[in-house]
Amino acid sequence: MQLLNTLLTRSWIHALPTGARFLVTLLLTIAIAHAALRRADSEGWLLGVAVLAAYTLVLFASLWMVQVVLPVVLPLTAAGLVLLTTGLLGHVMAARRMVL
């Protein structure tokens, strides 16, 4: 049924090329790292999570409105690693301040 609908309406689902997928991943991780490191304490981490949630909304909206599939696995994994490392960096820096 989906194949017949696609053939009759000619509304194809498009994917991004490899370079664009890498660029989306890089820009998302840079935006999250900038947001997470710009603010102190948990505000930055929550802002990074908000940027990730906004990307998720853009991902679903692009599929629904424009029929373009944005990358999912690599950007979300990279964003999770960035959030994890910025959280750990905050704990290490707080422990260093307590020692001094």
C-alpha atoms as a PDB file:
ATOM      1  CA  MET A   1       0.000   0.000   0.000  1.00  0.00           C
ATOM      2  CA  GLN A   2       2.826   2.426   0.896  1.00  0.00           C
ATOM      3  CA  LEU A   3       4.644   1.597  -2.341  1.00  0.00           C
ATOM      4  CA  LEU A   4       1.533   2.242  -4.394  1.00  0.00           C
ATOM      5  CA  ASN A   5       0.914   5.527  -2.595  1.00  0.00           C
ATOM      6  CA  THR A   6       4.509   6.621  -3.195  1.00  0.00           C
ATOM      7  CA  LEU A   7       4.355   5.723  -6.873  1.00  0.00           C
ATOM      8  CA  LEU A   8       1.076   7.539  -7.432  1.00  0.00           C
ATOM      9  CA  THR A   9       1.834  10.713  -5.470  1.00  0.00           C
ATOM     10  CA  ARG A  10       5.563  10.827  -6.308  1.00  0.00           C
ATOM     11  CA  SER A  11       6.403  11.951  -2.779  1.00  0.00           C
ATOM     12  CA  TRP A  12       9.789  10.290  -2.374  1.00  0.00           C
ATOM     13  CA  ILE A  13      11.738  10.214   0.851  1.00  0.00           C
ATOM     14  CA  HIS A  14      15.237  11.614   0.300  1.00  0.00           C
ATOM     15  CA  ALA A  15      18.419  10.999   2.290  1.00  0.00           C
ATOM     16  CA  LEU A  16      21.342  13.351   2.773  1.00  0.00           C
ATOM     17  CA  PRO A  17      24.680  12.596   1.115  1.00  0.00           C
ATOM     18  CA  THR A  18      27.575  11.354   3.231  1.00  0.00           C
ATOM     19  CA  GLY A  19      29.312  14.718   3.545  1.00  0.00           C
ATOM     20  CA  ALA A  20      26.133  16.439   4.650  1.00  0.00           C
ATOM     21  CA  ARG A  21      25.475  13.748   7.269  1.00  0.00           C
ATOM     22  CA  PHE A  22      28.960  14.264   8.698  1.00  0.00           C
ATOM     23  CA  LEU A  23      28.460  18.039   8.649  1.00  0.00           C
ATOM     24  CA  VAL A  24      25.133  17.741  10.497  1.00  0.00           C
ATOM     25  CA  THR A  25      26.811  15.551  13.124  1.00  0.00           C
ATOM     26  CA  LEU A  26      29.716  17.951  13.513  1.00  0.00           C
ATOM     27  CA  LEU A  27      27.501  21.043  13.777  1.00  0.00           C
ATOM     28  CA  LEU A  28      25.198  19.383  16.307  1.00  0.00           C
ATOM     29  CA  THR A  29      28.055  18.292  18.547  1.00  0.00           C
ATOM     30  CA  ILE A  30      29.705  21.731  18.329  1.00  0.00           C
ATOM     31  CA  ALA A  31      26.405  23.414  19.243  1.00  0.00           C
ATOM     32  CA  ILE A  32      25.866  21.100  22.205  1.00  0.00           C
ATOM     33  CA  ALA A  33      29.440  21.464  23.436  1.00  0.00           C
ATOM     34  CA  HIS A  34      29.227  25.257  23.124  1.00  0.00           C
ATOM     35  CA  ALA A  35      25.906  25.327  24.992  1.00  0.00           C
ATOM     36  CA  ALA A  36      27.113  22.946  27.702  1.00  0.00           C
ATOM     37  CA  LEU A  37      30.451  24.664  28.313  1.00  0.00           C
ATOM     38  CA  ARG A  38      29.163  28.223  28.035  1.00  0.00           C
ATOM     39  CA  ARG A  39      27.140  28.128  31.259  1.00  0.00           C
ATOM     40  CA  ALA A  40      28.256  27.010  34.687  1.00  0.00           C
ATOM     41  CA  ASP A  41      26.967  24.000  36.619  1.00  0.00           C
ATOM     42  CA  SER A  42      23.791  22.252  35.539  1.00  0.00           C
ATOM     43  CA  GLU A  43      22.456  25.154  33.451  1.00  0.00           C
ATOM     44  CA  GLY A  44      24.876  24.382  30.643  1.00  0.00           C
ATOM     45  CA  TRP A  45      24.132  20.675  30.717  1.00  0.00           C
ATOM     46  CA  LEU A  46      20.386  21.350  30.581  1.00  0.00           C
ATOM     47  CA  LEU A  47      20.925  23.789  27.717  1.00  0.00           C
ATOM     48  CA  GLY A  48      22.854  21.071  25.868  1.00  0.00           C
ATOM     49  CA  VAL A  49      19.975  18.639  26.419  1.00  0.00           C
ATOM     50  CA  ALA A  50      17.593  21.317  25.117  1.00  0.00           C
ATOM     51  CA  VAL A  51      19.683  21.655  21.939  1.00  0.00           C
ATOM     52  CA  LEU A  52      19.520  17.879  21.530  1.00  0.00           C
ATOM     53  CA  ALA A  53      15.733  17.939  22.000  1.00  0.00           C
ATOM     54  CA  ALA A  54      15.454  20.710  19.409  1.00  0.00           C
ATOM     55  CA  TYR A  55      17.432  18.583  16.933  1.00  0.00           C
ATOM     56  CA  THR A  56      15.067  15.695  17.588  1.00  0.00           C
ATOM     57  CA  LEU A  57      12.098  17.937  16.808  1.00  0.00           C
ATOM     58  CA  VAL A  58      13.799  19.174  13.620  1.00  0.00           C
ATOM     59  CA  LEU A  59      14.483  15.559  12.680  1.00  0.00           C
ATOM     60  CA  PHE A  60      10.817  14.587  12.890  1.00  0.00           C
ATOM     61  CA  ALA A  61       9.632  17.817  11.269  1.00  0.00           C
ATOM     62  CA  SER A  62      11.982  17.393   8.300  1.00  0.00           C
ATOM     63  CA  LEU A  63      10.746  13.871   7.720  1.00  0.00           C
ATOM     64  CA  TRP A  64       7.107  14.912   8.004  1.00  0.00           C
ATOM     65  CA  MET A  65       7.180  18.188   6.040  1.00  0.00           C
ATOM     66  CA  VAL A  66      10.052  17.941   3.559  1.00  0.00           C
ATOM     67  CA  GLN A  67      10.458  14.133   3.319  1.00  0.00           C
ATOM     68  CA  VAL A  68      14.187  14.345   4.090  1.00  0.00           C
ATOM     69  CA  VAL A  69      15.748  11.797   6.421  1.00  0.00           C
ATOM     70  CA  LEU A  70      18.338  13.389   8.682  1.00  0.00           C
ATOM     71  CA  PRO A  71      20.980  11.225  10.376  1.00  0.00           C
ATOM     72  CA  VAL A  72      19.940   9.787  13.726  1.00  0.00           C
ATOM     73  CA  VAL A  73      22.400   7.305  15.216  1.00  0.00           C
ATOM     74  CA  LEU A  74      25.746   9.067  14.759  1.00  0.00           C
ATOM     75  CA  PRO A  75      24.591  12.561  15.857  1.00  0.00           C
ATOM     76  CA  LEU A  76      22.738  11.239  18.898  1.00  0.00           C
ATOM     77  CA  THR A  77      25.696   9.082  19.918  1.00  0.00           C
ATOM     78  CA  ALA A  78      28.140  11.957  19.465  1.00  0.00           C
ATOM     79  CA  ALA A  79      25.818  14.298  21.370  1.00  0.00           C
ATOM     80  CA  GLY A  80      25.540  11.791  24.211  1.00  0.00           C
ATOM     81  CA  LEU A  81      29.326  11.511  24.418  1.00  0.00           C
ATOM     82  CA  VAL A  82      29.697  15.298  24.419  1.00  0.00           C
ATOM     83  CA  LEU A  83      27.139  15.650  27.211  1.00  0.00           C
ATOM     84  CA  LEU A  84      28.822  12.880  29.192  1.00  0.00           C
ATOM     85  CA  THR A  85      32.298  14.370  28.860  1.00  0.00           C
ATOM     86  CA  THR A  86      31.159  17.910  29.684  1.00  0.00           C
ATOM     87  CA  GLY A  87      29.388  16.572  32.769  1.00  0.00           C
ATOM     88  CA  LEU A  88      32.516  14.714  33.835  1.00  0.00           C
ATOM     89  CA  LEU A  89      34.623  17.799  33.148  1.00  0.00           C
ATOM     90  CA  GLY A  90      32.376  19.788  35.450  1.00  0.00           C
ATOM     91  CA  HIS A  91      32.840  17.229  38.225  1.00  0.00           C
ATOM     92  CA  VAL A  92      36.614  17.151  37.779  1.00  0.00           C
ATOM     93  CA  MET A  93      36.830  20.947  37.843  1.00  0.00           C
ATOM     94  CA  ALA A  94      34.622  21.098  40.963  1.00  0.00           C
ATOM     95  CA  ALA A  95      36.815  18.520  42.707  1.00  0.00           C
ATOM     96  CA  ARG A  96      39.923  20.537  41.798  1.00  0.00           C
ATOM     97  CA  ARG A  97      38.395  23.680  43.252  1.00  0.00           C
ATOM     98  CA  MET A  98      37.556  21.869  46.487  1.00  0.00           C
ATOM     99  CA  VAL A  99      41.169  20.703  46.829  1.00  0.00           C
ATOM    100  CA  LEU A 100      42.516  24.221  46.418  1.00  0.00           C
END
